[in-house]
Amino acid sequence: MGFQEAVQAVLSKYATFTGRAARPEFWWFMLFVFVVNVGTSILDGMLFDGQVLNTVAMLALIIPQLAVGARRLHDIDRSGWWLLLALVPVVGWIVLIYFNVQPGQPGANRFGPPPVA
């Protein structure tokens, strides 16, 4: 799965918290979010005094980020509630990064069949 396919897949499942997401889908979308964040920050610096465009973009992308994060955790047979670790500074972020780099289960698990990568 490439960059464009991953972004399209995540945005087409905008608020789908069920099922599973493979590593490439998750990481390509996180790269997309990073690029959008940098781009809108630069535009805000040139056009506005505040963070108008960046705030709008990040609000528009928060639901897909949470959804793909939950689906990624489902791929390693963990509940999406583990995303709450993001609220724990540093340690929670490290644990979530560790979870997200793990390979998914090769067969079906309680969250469904393996994703098509």
N, C-alpha and C. Protein backbone atom coordinates (compact mmCIF):
# COMPACT_ATOMS: atom_id res chain seq x y z
N MET A 1 0.86 -1.18 0.00
CA MET A 1 0.00 0.00 0.00
C MET A 1 0.89 1.23 0.00
N GLY A 2 0.63 2.11 -0.94
CA GLY A 2 1.41 3.33 -1.05
C GLY A 2 0.77 4.50 -0.32
N PHE A 3 1.43 5.64 -0.43
CA PHE A 3 0.99 6.85 0.26
C PHE A 3 -0.43 7.24 -0.12
N GLN A 4 -0.69 7.37 -1.42
CA GLN A 4 -2.01 7.82 -1.87
C GLN A 4 -3.10 6.82 -1.51
N GLU A 5 -2.81 5.54 -1.68
CA GLU A 5 -3.80 4.50 -1.34
C GLU A 5 -4.13 4.53 0.14
N ALA A 6 -3.10 4.71 0.98
CA ALA A 6 -3.30 4.73 2.43
C ALA A 6 -4.17 5.92 2.84
N VAL A 7 -3.86 7.09 2.30
CA VAL A 7 -4.63 8.29 2.65
C VAL A 7 -6.07 8.14 2.20
N GLN A 8 -6.27 7.63 0.99
CA GLN A 8 -7.64 7.42 0.49
C GLN A 8 -8.38 6.39 1.34
N ALA A 9 -7.69 5.32 1.74
CA ALA A 9 -8.33 4.29 2.55
C ALA A 9 -8.77 4.85 3.90
N VAL A 10 -7.89 5.61 4.54
CA VAL A 10 -8.23 6.16 5.85
C VAL A 10 -9.35 7.18 5.75
N LEU A 11 -9.27 8.07 4.76
CA LEU A 11 -10.31 9.09 4.63
C LEU A 11 -11.64 8.50 4.19
N SER A 12 -11.61 7.39 3.46
CA SER A 12 -12.88 6.75 3.08
C SER A 12 -13.52 6.04 4.27
N LYS A 13 -12.70 5.72 5.27
CA LYS A 13 -13.22 5.12 6.52
C LYS A 13 -13.14 6.18 7.62
N TYR A 14 -13.57 7.38 7.31
CA TYR A 14 -13.39 8.57 8.15
C TYR A 14 -13.61 8.31 9.65
N ALA A 15 -14.72 7.69 9.99
CA ALA A 15 -15.04 7.46 11.40
C ALA A 15 -15.34 5.99 11.67
N THR A 16 -14.62 5.09 10.99
CA THR A 16 -14.82 3.66 11.18
C THR A 16 -13.81 3.17 12.21
N PHE A 17 -14.31 2.81 13.37
CA PHE A 17 -13.45 2.35 14.46
C PHE A 17 -13.43 0.83 14.56
N THR A 18 -14.07 0.14 13.63
CA THR A 18 -14.08 -1.31 13.63
C THR A 18 -13.17 -1.84 12.54
N GLY A 19 -12.72 -3.05 12.70
CA GLY A 19 -11.85 -3.65 11.71
C GLY A 19 -10.39 -3.45 12.08
N ARG A 20 -9.53 -3.65 11.10
CA ARG A 20 -8.10 -3.61 11.34
C ARG A 20 -7.41 -2.76 10.28
N ALA A 21 -6.28 -2.16 10.65
CA ALA A 21 -5.47 -1.37 9.72
C ALA A 21 -4.03 -1.87 9.77
N ALA A 22 -3.45 -2.12 8.62
CA ALA A 22 -2.06 -2.57 8.54
C ALA A 22 -1.10 -1.43 8.86
N ARG A 23 0.13 -1.79 9.15
CA ARG A 23 1.15 -0.77 9.45
C ARG A 23 1.31 0.28 8.36
N PRO A 24 1.40 -0.13 7.08
CA PRO A 24 1.59 0.92 6.06
C PRO A 24 0.45 1.93 6.02
N GLU A 25 -0.77 1.44 6.17
CA GLU A 25 -1.93 2.35 6.17
C GLU A 25 -1.79 3.37 7.29
N PHE A 26 -1.45 2.91 8.47
CA PHE A 26 -1.31 3.81 9.62
C PHE A 26 -0.17 4.80 9.43
N TRP A 27 1.02 4.31 9.09
CA TRP A 27 2.19 5.18 9.03
C TRP A 27 2.15 6.14 7.85
N TRP A 28 1.63 5.71 6.71
CA TRP A 28 1.49 6.64 5.58
C TRP A 28 0.52 7.76 5.94
N PHE A 29 -0.56 7.42 6.66
CA PHE A 29 -1.51 8.46 7.04
C PHE A 29 -0.89 9.42 8.06
N MET A 30 -0.09 8.90 8.98
CA MET A 30 0.57 9.78 9.95
C MET A 30 1.54 10.73 9.23
N LEU A 31 2.22 10.24 8.18
CA LEU A 31 3.07 11.11 7.37
C LEU A 31 2.24 12.19 6.69
N PHE A 32 1.08 11.83 6.16
CA PHE A 32 0.18 12.79 5.54
C PHE A 32 -0.23 13.87 6.54
N VAL A 33 -0.58 13.46 7.76
CA VAL A 33 -0.98 14.42 8.79
C VAL A 33 0.19 15.36 9.11
N PHE A 34 1.39 14.82 9.19
CA PHE A 34 2.57 15.64 9.46
C PHE A 34 2.79 16.67 8.35
N VAL A 35 2.70 16.23 7.09
CA VAL A 35 2.89 17.13 5.95
C VAL A 35 1.82 18.22 5.94
N VAL A 36 0.57 17.85 6.20
CA VAL A 36 -0.51 18.84 6.27
C VAL A 36 -0.24 19.83 7.39
N ASN A 37 0.21 19.34 8.53
CA ASN A 37 0.51 20.20 9.67
C ASN A 37 1.60 21.21 9.33
N VAL A 38 2.68 20.74 8.72
CA VAL A 38 3.78 21.64 8.34
C VAL A 38 3.30 22.64 7.29
N GLY A 39 2.59 22.14 6.29
CA GLY A 39 2.10 23.02 5.22
C GLY A 39 1.17 24.10 5.71
N THR A 40 0.21 23.72 6.55
CA THR A 40 -0.73 24.73 7.05
C THR A 40 -0.06 25.70 8.02
N SER A 41 0.95 25.23 8.75
CA SER A 41 1.68 26.14 9.64
C SER A 41 2.44 27.18 8.84
N ILE A 42 3.05 26.76 7.73
CA ILE A 42 3.77 27.71 6.87
C ILE A 42 2.80 28.72 6.27
N LEU A 43 1.67 28.22 5.75
CA LEU A 43 0.66 29.13 5.18
C LEU A 43 0.12 30.10 6.23
N ASP A 44 -0.11 29.60 7.44
CA ASP A 44 -0.58 30.48 8.51
C ASP A 44 0.43 31.58 8.80
N GLY A 45 1.71 31.23 8.78
CA GLY A 45 2.76 32.22 9.03
C GLY A 45 2.80 33.29 7.97
N MET A 46 2.48 32.91 6.73
CA MET A 46 2.51 33.88 5.63
C MET A 46 1.22 34.69 5.53
N LEU A 47 0.08 34.09 5.89
CA LEU A 47 -1.21 34.75 5.65
C LEU A 47 -1.87 35.34 6.89
N PHE A 48 -1.68 34.71 8.04
CA PHE A 48 -2.40 35.11 9.24
C PHE A 48 -1.43 35.31 10.40
N ASP A 49 -1.95 35.95 11.46
CA ASP A 49 -1.15 36.11 12.68
C ASP A 49 -1.22 34.86 13.55
N GLY A 50 -2.34 34.14 13.47
CA GLY A 50 -2.54 32.97 14.32
C GLY A 50 -2.40 31.67 13.56
N GLN A 51 -3.00 30.65 14.10
CA GLN A 51 -2.95 29.30 13.52
C GLN A 51 -4.32 28.91 12.97
N VAL A 52 -4.90 29.71 12.13
CA VAL A 52 -6.25 29.50 11.62
C VAL A 52 -6.33 28.23 10.77
N LEU A 53 -5.55 28.17 9.70
CA LEU A 53 -5.61 27.02 8.79
C LEU A 53 -5.17 25.73 9.47
N ASN A 54 -4.14 25.82 10.28
CA ASN A 54 -3.64 24.64 10.97
C ASN A 54 -4.68 24.08 11.93
N THR A 55 -5.35 24.93 12.64
CA THR A 55 -6.39 24.48 13.58
C THR A 55 -7.53 23.81 12.84
N VAL A 56 -7.97 24.39 11.75
CA VAL A 56 -9.06 23.80 10.96
C VAL A 56 -8.64 22.45 10.41
N ALA A 57 -7.43 22.36 9.86
CA ALA A 57 -6.95 21.10 9.28
C ALA A 57 -6.82 20.02 10.35
N MET A 58 -6.27 20.35 11.49
CA MET A 58 -6.08 19.34 12.54
C MET A 58 -7.43 18.91 13.13
N LEU A 59 -8.38 19.82 13.22
CA LEU A 59 -9.72 19.43 13.68
C LEU A 59 -10.40 18.50 12.67
N ALA A 60 -10.17 18.75 11.39
CA ALA A 60 -10.75 17.90 10.35
C ALA A 60 -10.11 16.51 10.34
N LEU A 61 -8.86 16.41 10.76
CA LEU A 61 -8.15 15.14 10.70
C LEU A 61 -8.12 14.35 12.01
N ILE A 62 -8.66 14.92 13.09
CA ILE A 62 -8.58 14.24 14.39
C ILE A 62 -9.39 12.94 14.41
N ILE A 63 -10.58 12.94 13.84
CA ILE A 63 -11.40 11.72 13.83
C ILE A 63 -10.74 10.62 13.01
N PRO A 64 -10.27 10.90 11.77
CA PRO A 64 -9.58 9.83 11.04
C PRO A 64 -8.33 9.32 11.75
N GLN A 65 -7.62 10.22 12.44
CA GLN A 65 -6.43 9.78 13.18
C GLN A 65 -6.80 8.82 14.29
N LEU A 66 -7.84 9.15 15.04
CA LEU A 66 -8.29 8.26 16.11
C LEU A 66 -8.79 6.93 15.55
N ALA A 67 -9.53 7.00 14.44
CA ALA A 67 -10.09 5.79 13.84
C ALA A 67 -8.99 4.86 13.34
N VAL A 68 -8.01 5.39 12.61
CA VAL A 68 -6.94 4.54 12.10
C VAL A 68 -6.06 4.05 13.25
N GLY A 69 -5.92 4.85 14.29
CA GLY A 69 -5.17 4.40 15.47
C GLY A 69 -5.85 3.23 16.17
N ALA A 70 -7.16 3.31 16.30
CA ALA A 70 -7.91 2.21 16.92
C ALA A 70 -7.83 0.97 16.04
N ARG A 71 -7.99 1.14 14.73
CA ARG A 71 -7.90 -0.02 13.83
C ARG A 71 -6.50 -0.62 13.83
N ARG A 72 -5.48 0.22 13.98
CA ARG A 72 -4.10 -0.29 14.04
C ARG A 72 -3.91 -1.13 15.31
N LEU A 73 -4.44 -0.66 16.42
CA LEU A 73 -4.36 -1.43 17.67
C LEU A 73 -5.14 -2.73 17.55
N HIS A 74 -6.26 -2.69 16.84
CA HIS A 74 -7.01 -3.93 16.61
C HIS A 74 -6.17 -4.94 15.85
N ASP A 75 -5.31 -4.47 14.96
CA ASP A 75 -4.49 -5.37 14.16
C ASP A 75 -3.52 -6.17 15.03
N ILE A 76 -3.12 -5.61 16.17
CA ILE A 76 -2.24 -6.34 17.08
C ILE A 76 -3.03 -6.93 18.25
N ASP A 77 -4.36 -7.01 18.06
CA ASP A 77 -5.28 -7.61 19.03
C ASP A 77 -5.33 -6.85 20.36
N ARG A 78 -5.35 -5.55 20.27
CA ARG A 78 -5.53 -4.69 21.44
C ARG A 78 -6.75 -3.81 21.21
N SER A 79 -7.37 -3.44 22.28
CA SER A 79 -8.55 -2.58 22.21
C SER A 79 -8.14 -1.15 21.81
N GLY A 80 -9.04 -0.47 21.14
CA GLY A 80 -8.80 0.92 20.77
C GLY A 80 -8.68 1.85 21.98
N TRP A 81 -9.15 1.39 23.11
CA TRP A 81 -9.06 2.20 24.33
C TRP A 81 -7.61 2.44 24.74
N TRP A 82 -6.69 1.64 24.24
CA TRP A 82 -5.27 1.86 24.52
C TRP A 82 -4.82 3.22 23.99
N LEU A 83 -5.56 3.83 23.09
CA LEU A 83 -5.21 5.16 22.59
C LEU A 83 -5.19 6.20 23.71
N LEU A 84 -5.88 5.92 24.79
CA LEU A 84 -5.88 6.86 25.91
C LEU A 84 -4.49 7.01 26.53
N LEU A 85 -3.59 6.08 26.23
CA LEU A 85 -2.21 6.24 26.70
C LEU A 85 -1.56 7.52 26.17
N ALA A 86 -2.08 8.04 25.08
CA ALA A 86 -1.55 9.29 24.52
C ALA A 86 -1.70 10.44 25.51
N LEU A 87 -2.58 10.30 26.47
CA LEU A 87 -2.78 11.34 27.47
C LEU A 87 -1.69 11.32 28.55
N VAL A 88 -0.89 10.24 28.58
CA VAL A 88 0.21 10.15 29.54
C VAL A 88 1.47 10.65 28.83
N PRO A 89 2.00 11.78 29.28
CA PRO A 89 3.17 12.35 28.58
C PRO A 89 4.35 11.38 28.54
N VAL A 90 5.05 11.39 27.48
CA VAL A 90 6.27 10.67 27.17
C VAL A 90 6.11 9.14 27.26
N VAL A 91 5.85 8.60 28.44
CA VAL A 91 5.75 7.15 28.60
C VAL A 91 4.61 6.59 27.75
N GLY A 92 3.45 7.22 27.79
CA GLY A 92 2.32 6.77 26.99
C GLY A 92 2.61 6.83 25.51
N TRP A 93 3.30 7.88 25.07
CA TRP A 93 3.64 8.04 23.66
C TRP A 93 4.60 6.95 23.22
N ILE A 94 5.58 6.64 24.07
CA ILE A 94 6.55 5.59 23.74
C ILE A 94 5.87 4.24 23.62
N VAL A 95 4.96 3.95 24.54
CA VAL A 95 4.23 2.68 24.50
C VAL A 95 3.39 2.59 23.23
N LEU A 96 2.72 3.67 22.86
CA LEU A 96 1.91 3.66 21.64
C LEU A 96 2.77 3.50 20.39
N ILE A 97 3.92 4.14 20.35
CA ILE A 97 4.82 3.95 19.21
C ILE A 97 5.26 2.50 19.14
N TYR A 98 5.59 1.92 20.28
CA TYR A 98 5.97 0.50 20.31
C TYR A 98 4.85 -0.38 19.77
N PHE A 99 3.63 -0.12 20.22
CA PHE A 99 2.48 -0.90 19.72
C PHE A 99 2.33 -0.75 18.21
N ASN A 100 2.47 0.47 17.72
CA ASN A 100 2.21 0.74 16.30
C ASN A 100 3.28 0.21 15.36
N VAL A 101 4.47 -0.10 15.86
CA VAL A 101 5.49 -0.68 14.99
C VAL A 101 5.45 -2.20 14.99
N GLN A 102 4.63 -2.78 15.86
CA GLN A 102 4.52 -4.24 15.92
C GLN A 102 3.81 -4.77 14.68
N PRO A 103 4.23 -5.96 14.20
CA PRO A 103 3.50 -6.56 13.07
C PRO A 103 2.12 -7.02 13.53
N GLY A 104 1.16 -6.95 12.63
CA GLY A 104 -0.19 -7.40 12.94
C GLY A 104 -0.25 -8.91 13.01
N GLN A 105 -1.31 -9.41 13.62
CA GLN A 105 -1.50 -10.85 13.68
C GLN A 105 -1.76 -11.37 12.26
N PRO A 106 -1.12 -12.47 11.88
CA PRO A 106 -1.28 -12.96 10.51
C PRO A 106 -2.67 -13.49 10.20
N GLY A 107 -3.34 -14.04 11.17
CA GLY A 107 -4.68 -14.58 10.92
C GLY A 107 -5.75 -13.69 11.50
N ALA A 108 -6.96 -14.18 11.44
CA ALA A 108 -8.09 -13.43 12.00
C ALA A 108 -7.95 -13.36 13.53
N ASN A 109 -8.42 -12.28 14.09
CA ASN A 109 -8.49 -12.15 15.54
C ASN A 109 -9.90 -11.67 15.90
N ARG A 110 -10.10 -11.28 17.14
CA ARG A 110 -11.45 -10.90 17.59
C ARG A 110 -11.97 -9.65 16.89
N PHE A 111 -11.10 -8.92 16.18
CA PHE A 111 -11.51 -7.70 15.49
C PHE A 111 -11.74 -7.92 14.00
N GLY A 112 -11.53 -9.13 13.52
CA GLY A 112 -11.81 -9.43 12.12
C GLY A 112 -10.64 -10.05 11.38
N PRO A 113 -10.81 -10.21 10.08
CA PRO A 113 -9.75 -10.80 9.27
C PRO A 113 -8.59 -9.82 9.10
N PRO A 114 -7.43 -10.33 8.72
CA PRO A 114 -6.28 -9.43 8.54
C PRO A 114 -6.54 -8.42 7.42
N PRO A 115 -6.00 -7.21 7.58
CA PRO A 115 -6.20 -6.19 6.54
C PRO A 115 -5.39 -6.53 5.30
N VAL A 116 -5.84 -6.01 4.19
CA VAL A 116 -5.10 -6.15 2.93
C VAL A 116 -4.05 -5.05 2.91
N ALA A 117 -2.79 -5.41 2.91
CA ALA A 117 -1.71 -4.39 3.00
C ALA A 117 -1.27 -3.89 1.66
